[in-house]
Protein backbone atom coordinates (compact mmCIF):
# COMPACT_ATOMS: atom_id res chain seq x y z
CA MET A 1 0.00 0.00 0.00
CA LYS A 2 2.83 2.41 0.88
CA LYS A 3 4.57 1.58 -2.41
CA LYS A 4 1.42 2.39 -4.38
CA MET A 5 0.94 5.67 -2.50
CA LYS A 6 4.59 6.65 -3.07
CA TRP A 7 4.24 5.89 -6.79
CA LYS A 8 1.12 8.12 -6.99
CA GLN A 9 2.89 10.95 -5.18
CA SER A 10 5.93 10.63 -7.45
CA SER A 11 3.73 10.59 -10.54
CA LEU A 12 1.75 13.59 -9.37
CA PHE A 13 4.98 15.46 -8.56
CA LEU A 14 6.41 14.64 -12.01
CA VAL A 15 3.23 15.83 -13.78
CA ALA A 16 3.24 19.03 -11.71
CA ILE A 17 6.86 19.75 -12.68
CA ILE A 18 6.12 19.20 -16.37
CA VAL A 19 3.03 21.42 -16.31
CA LEU A 20 4.69 24.19 -14.32
CA SER A 21 7.82 24.15 -16.44
CA SER A 22 5.77 24.46 -19.61
CA PHE A 23 4.20 27.62 -18.17
CA ALA A 24 7.61 28.96 -17.21
CA MET A 25 8.95 28.42 -20.72
CA HIS A 26 6.08 30.27 -22.37
CA LYS A 27 6.82 33.96 -22.67
CA PHE A 28 4.40 36.77 -23.25
CA TYR A 29 5.30 39.18 -26.02
CA VAL A 30 3.59 42.44 -25.09
CA GLY A 31 4.63 46.09 -25.25
CA MET A 32 2.71 48.91 -23.56
CA PHE A 33 2.48 52.40 -25.04
CA GLN A 34 0.70 55.15 -23.15
CA MET A 35 -0.02 58.51 -24.74
CA LYS A 36 -1.59 61.50 -23.06
CA PHE A 37 -2.43 64.83 -24.63
CA VAL A 38 -1.81 67.65 -22.13
CA PRO A 39 -3.76 70.65 -23.50
CA GLN A 40 -2.33 73.12 -20.94
CA LYS A 41 1.18 72.42 -22.27
CA LYS A 42 0.06 71.71 -25.85
CA GLU A 43 2.05 68.45 -25.72
CA LEU A 44 1.58 64.77 -26.33
CA HIS A 45 3.42 62.70 -23.71
CA ILE A 46 4.41 59.17 -24.71
CA THR A 47 5.61 56.40 -22.39
CA THR A 48 6.77 53.06 -23.78
CA ARG A 49 7.32 49.85 -21.83
CA ILE A 50 9.28 47.14 -23.64
CA PHE A 51 10.98 44.01 -22.30
CA VAL A 52 14.67 44.88 -22.41
CA ASP A 53 15.95 41.45 -23.48
CA ASP A 54 13.58 41.47 -26.45
CA LEU A 55 14.60 45.02 -27.35
CA ASN A 56 18.31 44.15 -27.24
CA LEU A 57 17.63 41.14 -29.47
CA ALA A 58 15.73 43.30 -31.98
CA LEU A 59 18.53 45.91 -31.99
CA GLU A 60 21.16 43.23 -32.56
CA LYS A 61 19.17 41.76 -35.45
CA LYS A 62 18.51 45.16 -37.06
CA PHE A 63 21.93 46.77 -36.62
CA HIS A 64 24.14 43.64 -36.54
CA LYS A 65 25.70 44.81 -33.30
CA LYS A 66 25.25 43.54 -29.75
CA THR A 67 23.66 46.17 -27.53
CA PHE A 68 23.43 46.39 -23.77
CA ILE A 69 20.36 48.51 -23.03
CA GLY A 70 19.66 48.39 -19.30
CA GLU A 71 23.03 46.84 -18.43
CA PRO A 72 26.16 48.39 -16.90
CA LYS A 73 27.93 47.99 -20.27
CA GLU A 74 25.32 50.17 -22.05
CA SER A 75 26.92 52.77 -24.31
CA LYS A 76 25.65 56.06 -25.71
CA GLU A 77 25.63 54.36 -29.13
CA ASP A 78 23.30 51.65 -27.75
CA GLU A 79 20.83 54.35 -26.69
CA VAL A 80 21.08 56.05 -30.11
CA LEU A 81 20.36 52.74 -31.85
CA MET A 82 17.39 52.17 -29.52
CA GLN A 83 15.96 55.60 -30.37
CA LYS A 84 16.48 54.99 -34.09
CA TYR A 85 14.78 51.58 -33.89
CA ILE A 86 11.78 52.95 -31.99
CA ALA A 87 11.43 55.86 -34.45
CA GLU A 88 11.36 53.39 -37.39
CA LYS A 89 8.85 51.03 -35.78
CA PHE A 90 6.58 53.46 -33.91
CA LYS A 91 5.18 56.24 -36.11
CA LEU A 92 2.55 58.86 -35.43
CA LYS A 93 0.48 61.12 -37.66
CA ILE A 94 -1.67 63.88 -36.24
CA LYS A 95 -4.36 65.21 -38.57
CA GLY A 96 -2.68 63.21 -41.35
CA GLN A 97 0.73 64.82 -40.86
CA ALA A 98 3.73 62.72 -39.72
CA LYS A 99 5.07 63.88 -36.37
CA ASN A 100 8.49 63.31 -34.87
CA TYR A 101 8.76 62.95 -31.14
CA THR A 102 11.60 63.96 -28.86
CA PHE A 103 13.32 61.41 -26.64
CA LEU A 104 13.41 62.68 -23.06
CA SER A 105 14.83 59.85 -20.97
CA LYS A 106 14.62 56.19 -20.07
CA GLU A 107 14.69 54.09 -16.93
CA MET A 108 14.68 50.43 -16.00
CA GLU A 109 11.98 48.74 -13.96
CA ASN A 110 12.86 45.09 -13.37
CA ASN A 111 13.31 43.68 -16.90
CA VAL A 112 11.41 46.48 -18.67
CA VAL A 113 12.89 49.58 -20.25
CA ILE A 114 10.59 52.58 -19.92
CA CYS A 115 11.17 55.39 -22.42
CA TYR A 116 9.68 58.86 -22.29
CA PHE A 117 8.98 60.97 -25.40
CA LYS A 118 6.95 64.05 -26.22
CA ILE A 119 5.62 66.07 -29.13
CA LYS A 120 5.35 69.82 -28.53
CA GLU A 121 3.25 72.61 -29.97
CA LEU A 122 -0.04 70.79 -30.52
CA ALA A 123 -3.19 72.86 -30.19
CA GLN A 124 -5.44 69.80 -30.15
CA ILE A 125 -5.63 66.24 -31.41
CA THR A 126 -8.71 65.35 -33.44
CA SER A 127 -7.21 62.25 -35.03
CA LEU A 128 -4.09 60.25 -34.32
CA GLU A 129 -2.80 57.59 -36.71
CA VAL A 130 -0.47 55.07 -35.11
CA GLU A 131 1.84 52.51 -36.67
CA ASN A 132 3.49 50.19 -34.18
CA SER A 133 5.46 47.13 -35.30
CA ILE A 134 8.02 47.11 -32.46
CA LEU A 135 9.49 43.61 -31.96
CA MET A 136 7.15 42.03 -34.53
CA GLU A 137 10.04 41.16 -36.83
CA ILE A 138 11.45 38.84 -34.18
CA TYR A 139 8.22 37.66 -32.50
CA PRO A 140 5.23 37.18 -34.82
CA GLU A 141 3.04 36.76 -31.71
CA GLN A 142 4.09 40.18 -30.35
CA GLN A 143 1.21 42.42 -29.27
CA ASN A 144 1.55 46.14 -28.66
CA ILE A 145 -1.13 47.85 -26.65
CA ILE A 146 -1.76 51.58 -27.10
CA GLN A 147 -3.63 53.56 -24.45
CA PHE A 148 -4.50 57.13 -25.41
CA ASP A 149 -5.91 59.80 -23.14
CA ASN A 150 -7.08 62.78 -25.15
CA ASN A 151 -8.29 65.44 -22.75
CA GLY A 152 -9.99 62.85 -20.50
CA GLU A 153 -11.37 60.72 -23.34
CA LYS A 154 -9.64 57.34 -23.30
CA ASN A 155 -9.14 54.99 -26.24
CA SER A 156 -7.01 51.92 -26.84
CA LEU A 157 -5.73 49.85 -29.70
CA LEU A 158 -4.17 46.42 -29.90
CA PHE A 159 -1.55 45.89 -32.59
CA THR A 160 -0.45 42.52 -33.94
CA GLU A 161 1.74 41.38 -36.81
CA ASP A 162 -1.32 41.34 -39.11
CA ASN A 163 -2.71 44.64 -37.83
CA PHE A 164 -0.05 47.14 -36.81
CA LYS A 165 -1.75 50.37 -37.96
CA GLY A 166 -4.73 52.10 -36.43
CA MET A 167 -6.56 55.36 -35.88
CA LEU A 168 -7.49 56.98 -32.59
CA LYS A 169 -9.99 59.85 -32.43
């Protein structure tokens, strides 16, 4: 009887390890992008949250150079490449006109790099076209979530490899 009970416990333990390890191996591929129009300052504030290991992989693939964003070995060139990559993959048009945004700073929070950008001199935003294909060239299952607060009115978009352009009003 004890042998049978021990076998059941061992089997249950083995199944639990297999199930839990399969969850641990699965990774979520999600980026968060928050945008807020601040009418008093006539600015659009943009905050991006991207997993740093995925970002470094994308930068290495794009620029054929190992980068160290978020690590002690990070160089100024790494940050420049990061800004260039984000500018190529995350594009905004306001009232149909392409807008460049200014990089302000970045910080690390656990394994996420948080970048801050802004666009100045905007009287209002009646329509905002967004193109966001960040990390989709390395992870087809990547999803980028946009949250937009336009003077208290909140909208969101979900971007995937098949649908990486959208309009917010």
